[in-house]
PDB file of N, CA and C in Angstrom:
ATOM      1  N   UNK A   1     -28.183  14.653  10.003  1.00  0.00           N
ATOM      2  CA  UNK A   1     -27.046  14.330  10.829  1.00  0.00           C
ATOM      3  C   UNK A   1     -26.498  12.939  10.504  1.00  0.00           C
ATOM      4  N   UNK A   2     -27.391  11.976  10.316  1.00  0.00           N
ATOM      5  CA  UNK A   2     -26.952  10.626   9.965  1.00  0.00           C
ATOM      6  C   UNK A   2     -26.258  10.623   8.608  1.00  0.00           C
ATOM      7  N   UNK A   3     -26.745  11.452   7.708  1.00  0.00           N
ATOM      8  CA  UNK A   3     -26.171  11.534   6.369  1.00  0.00           C
ATOM      9  C   UNK A   3     -24.743  12.069   6.436  1.00  0.00           C
ATOM     10  N   UNK A   4     -24.542  13.087   7.254  1.00  0.00           N
ATOM     11  CA  UNK A   4     -23.215  13.681   7.414  1.00  0.00           C
ATOM     12  C   UNK A   4     -22.252  12.682   8.039  1.00  0.00           C
ATOM     13  N   UNK A   5     -22.711  11.957   9.038  1.00  0.00           N
ATOM     14  CA  UNK A   5     -21.885  10.954   9.690  1.00  0.00           C
ATOM     15  C   UNK A   5     -21.521   9.830   8.710  1.00  0.00           C
ATOM     16  N   UNK A   6     -22.476   9.398   7.917  1.00  0.00           N
ATOM     17  CA  UNK A   6     -22.223   8.347   6.934  1.00  0.00           C
ATOM     18  C   UNK A   6     -21.205   8.820   5.895  1.00  0.00           C
ATOM     19  N   UNK A   7     -21.319  10.050   5.464  1.00  0.00           N
ATOM     20  CA  UNK A   7     -20.376  10.603   4.499  1.00  0.00           C
ATOM     21  C   UNK A   7     -18.982  10.689   5.091  1.00  0.00           C
ATOM     22  N   UNK A   8     -18.898  11.116   6.333  1.00  0.00           N
ATOM     23  CA  UNK A   8     -17.617  11.214   7.011  1.00  0.00           C
ATOM     24  C   UNK A   8     -16.953   9.846   7.135  1.00  0.00           C
ATOM     25  N   UNK A   9     -17.730   8.846   7.509  1.00  0.00           N
ATOM     26  CA  UNK A   9     -17.206   7.485   7.634  1.00  0.00           C
ATOM     27  C   UNK A   9     -16.731   6.977   6.273  1.00  0.00           C
ATOM     28  N   UNK A  10     -17.483   7.244   5.236  1.00  0.00           N
ATOM     29  CA  UNK A  10     -17.115   6.818   3.888  1.00  0.00           C
ATOM     30  C   UNK A  10     -15.810   7.465   3.435  1.00  0.00           C
ATOM     31  N   UNK A  11     -15.658   8.755   3.665  1.00  0.00           N
ATOM     32  CA  UNK A  11     -14.434   9.463   3.282  1.00  0.00           C
ATOM     33  C   UNK A  11     -13.242   8.927   4.074  1.00  0.00           C
ATOM     34  N   UNK A  12     -13.435   8.705   5.357  1.00  0.00           N
ATOM     35  CA  UNK A  12     -12.370   8.163   6.194  1.00  0.00           C
ATOM     36  C   UNK A  12     -11.954   6.773   5.722  1.00  0.00           C
ATOM     37  N   UNK A  13     -12.921   5.930   5.437  1.00  0.00           N
ATOM     38  CA  UNK A  13     -12.641   4.576   4.951  1.00  0.00           C
ATOM     39  C   UNK A  13     -11.896   4.620   3.622  1.00  0.00           C
ATOM     40  N   UNK A  14     -12.319   5.489   2.716  1.00  0.00           N
ATOM     41  CA  UNK A  14     -11.669   5.596   1.412  1.00  0.00           C
ATOM     42  C   UNK A  14     -10.225   6.074   1.557  1.00  0.00           C
ATOM     43  N   UNK A  15      -9.989   7.043   2.423  1.00  0.00           N
ATOM     44  CA  UNK A  15      -8.630   7.549   2.585  1.00  0.00           C
ATOM     45  C   UNK A  15      -7.717   6.495   3.198  1.00  0.00           C
ATOM     46  N   UNK A  16      -8.218   5.732   4.155  1.00  0.00           N
ATOM     47  CA  UNK A  16      -7.414   4.665   4.760  1.00  0.00           C
ATOM     48  C   UNK A  16      -7.130   3.573   3.732  1.00  0.00           C
ATOM     49  N   UNK A  17      -8.113   3.235   2.947  1.00  0.00           N
ATOM     50  CA  UNK A  17      -7.940   2.188   1.936  1.00  0.00           C
ATOM     51  C   UNK A  17      -6.909   2.604   0.897  1.00  0.00           C
ATOM     52  N   UNK A  18      -6.997   3.822   0.415  1.00  0.00           N
ATOM     53  CA  UNK A  18      -6.054   4.284  -0.596  1.00  0.00           C
ATOM     54  C   UNK A  18      -4.642   4.378  -0.034  1.00  0.00           C
ATOM     55  N   UNK A  19      -4.506   4.801   1.185  1.00  0.00           N
ATOM     56  CA  UNK A  19      -3.190   4.869   1.818  1.00  0.00           C
ATOM     57  C   UNK A  19      -2.610   3.473   1.969  1.00  0.00           C
ATOM     58  N   UNK A  20      -3.429   2.531   2.354  1.00  0.00           N
ATOM     59  CA  UNK A  20      -2.958   1.153   2.524  1.00  0.00           C
ATOM     60  C   UNK A  20      -2.499   0.580   1.196  1.00  0.00           C
ATOM     61  N   UNK A  21      -3.200   0.880   0.122  1.00  0.00           N
ATOM     62  CA  UNK A  21      -2.793   0.387  -1.195  1.00  0.00           C
ATOM     63  C   UNK A  21      -1.422   0.922  -1.569  1.00  0.00           C
ATOM     64  N   UNK A  22      -1.179   2.192  -1.315  1.00  0.00           N
ATOM     65  CA  UNK A  22       0.122   2.769  -1.624  1.00  0.00           C
ATOM     66  C   UNK A  22       1.211   2.132  -0.781  1.00  0.00           C
ATOM     67  N   UNK A  23       0.933   1.857   0.470  1.00  0.00           N
ATOM     68  CA  UNK A  23       1.915   1.248   1.355  1.00  0.00           C
ATOM     69  C   UNK A  23       2.246  -0.163   0.890  1.00  0.00           C
ATOM     70  N   UNK A  24       1.249  -0.934   0.548  1.00  0.00           N
ATOM     71  CA  UNK A  24       1.464  -2.301   0.092  1.00  0.00           C
ATOM     72  C   UNK A  24       2.227  -2.288  -1.233  1.00  0.00           C
ATOM     73  N   UNK A  25       1.890  -1.356  -2.099  1.00  0.00           N
ATOM     74  CA  UNK A  25       2.580  -1.262  -3.382  1.00  0.00           C
ATOM     75  C   UNK A  25       4.045  -0.912  -3.165  1.00  0.00           C
ATOM     76  N   UNK A  26       4.321   0.000  -2.266  1.00  0.00           N
ATOM     77  CA  UNK A  26       5.701   0.379  -1.973  1.00  0.00           C
ATOM     78  C   UNK A  26       6.478  -0.769  -1.365  1.00  0.00           C
ATOM     79  N   UNK A  27       5.848  -1.507  -0.474  1.00  0.00           N
ATOM     80  CA  UNK A  27       6.507  -2.671   0.135  1.00  0.00           C
ATOM     81  C   UNK A  27       6.792  -3.727  -0.925  1.00  0.00           C
ATOM     82  N   UNK A  28       5.877  -3.900  -1.848  1.00  0.00           N
ATOM     83  CA  UNK A  28       6.088  -4.863  -2.943  1.00  0.00           C
ATOM     84  C   UNK A  28       7.283  -4.483  -3.800  1.00  0.00           C
ATOM     85  N   UNK A  29       7.434  -3.198  -4.079  1.00  0.00           N
ATOM     86  CA  UNK A  29       8.584  -2.735  -4.864  1.00  0.00           C
ATOM     87  C   UNK A  29       9.888  -2.972  -4.109  1.00  0.00           C
ATOM     88  N   UNK A  30       9.884  -2.713  -2.793  1.00  0.00           N
ATOM     89  CA  UNK A  30      11.078  -2.935  -1.984  1.00  0.00           C
ATOM     90  C   UNK A  30      11.464  -4.407  -1.975  1.00  0.00           C
ATOM     91  N   UNK A  31      10.484  -5.281  -1.807  1.00  0.00           N
ATOM     92  CA  UNK A  31      10.751  -6.719  -1.791  1.00  0.00           C
ATOM     93  C   UNK A  31      11.283  -7.169  -3.151  1.00  0.00           C
ATOM     94  N   UNK A  32      10.756  -6.609  -4.206  1.00  0.00           N
ATOM     95  CA  UNK A  32      11.217  -6.962  -5.550  1.00  0.00           C
ATOM     96  C   UNK A  32      12.680  -6.571  -5.729  1.00  0.00           C
ATOM     97  N   UNK A  33      13.047  -5.383  -5.258  1.00  0.00           N
ATOM     98  CA  UNK A  33      14.434  -4.936  -5.376  1.00  0.00           C
ATOM     99  C   UNK A  33      15.378  -5.846  -4.598  1.00  0.00           C
ATOM    100  N   UNK A  34      14.960  -6.242  -3.396  1.00  0.00           N
ATOM    101  CA  UNK A  34      15.787  -7.154  -2.593  1.00  0.00           C
ATOM    102  C   UNK A  34      15.948  -8.483  -3.323  1.00  0.00           C
ATOM    103  N   UNK A  35      14.886  -8.972  -3.890  1.00  0.00           N
ATOM    104  CA  UNK A  35      14.952 -10.227  -4.649  1.00  0.00           C
ATOM    105  C   UNK A  35      15.891 -10.121  -5.833  1.00  0.00           C
ATOM    106  N   UNK A  36      15.872  -9.000  -6.512  1.00  0.00           N
ATOM    107  CA  UNK A  36      16.765  -8.802  -7.648  1.00  0.00           C
ATOM    108  C   UNK A  36      18.228  -8.773  -7.202  1.00  0.00           C
ATOM    109  N   UNK A  37      18.498  -8.146  -6.057  1.00  0.00           N
ATOM    110  CA  UNK A  37      19.863  -8.109  -5.518  1.00  0.00           C
ATOM    111  C   UNK A  37      20.336  -9.513  -5.167  1.00  0.00           C
ATOM    112  N   UNK A  38      19.476 -10.290  -4.532  1.00  0.00           N
ATOM    113  CA  UNK A  38      19.837 -11.653  -4.150  1.00  0.00           C
ATOM    114  C   UNK A  38      20.093 -12.500  -5.403  1.00  0.00           C
ATOM    115  N   UNK A  39      19.243 -12.322  -6.389  1.00  0.00           N
ATOM    116  CA  UNK A  39      19.394 -13.071  -7.640  1.00  0.00           C
ATOM    117  C   UNK A  39      20.703 -12.698  -8.331  1.00  0.00           C
ATOM    118  N   UNK A  40      21.025 -11.414  -8.324  1.00  0.00           N
ATOM    119  CA  UNK A  40      22.291 -10.957  -8.928  1.00  0.00           C
ATOM    120  C   UNK A  40      23.480 -11.521  -8.204  1.00  0.00           C
ATOM    121  N   UNK A  41      23.423 -11.578  -6.877  1.00  0.00           N
ATOM    122  CA  UNK A  41      24.531 -12.118  -6.090  1.00  0.00           C
ATOM    123  C   UNK A  41      24.664 -13.621  -6.322  1.00  0.00           C
ATOM    124  N   UNK A  42      23.563 -14.311  -6.491  1.00  0.00           N
ATOM    125  CA  UNK A  42      23.604 -15.768  -6.713  1.00  0.00           C
ATOM    126  C   UNK A  42      24.166 -16.089  -8.091  1.00  0.00           C
ATOM    127  N   UNK A  43      23.972 -15.197  -9.047  1.00  0.00           N
ATOM    128  CA  UNK A  43      24.454 -15.441 -10.412  1.00  0.00           C
ATOM    129  C   UNK A  43      25.974 -15.293 -10.496  1.00  0.00           C
ATOM    130  N   UNK A  44      26.526 -14.426  -9.650  1.00  0.00           N
ATOM    131  CA  UNK A  44      27.983 -14.198  -9.657  1.00  0.00           C
ATOM    132  C   UNK A  44      28.642 -15.371  -9.068  1.00  0.00           C
TER     133      UNK A  44
END
């Protein structure tokens, strides 16, 4: 029973971690695009 619970916790932790990485990566891409737009506007 302890083994099953430990496995469940590990799978849950891994899924949350991987989801968070994707979210942070997506936010980074969005921020980069905004920065590029601002830079383009400043150059004009």
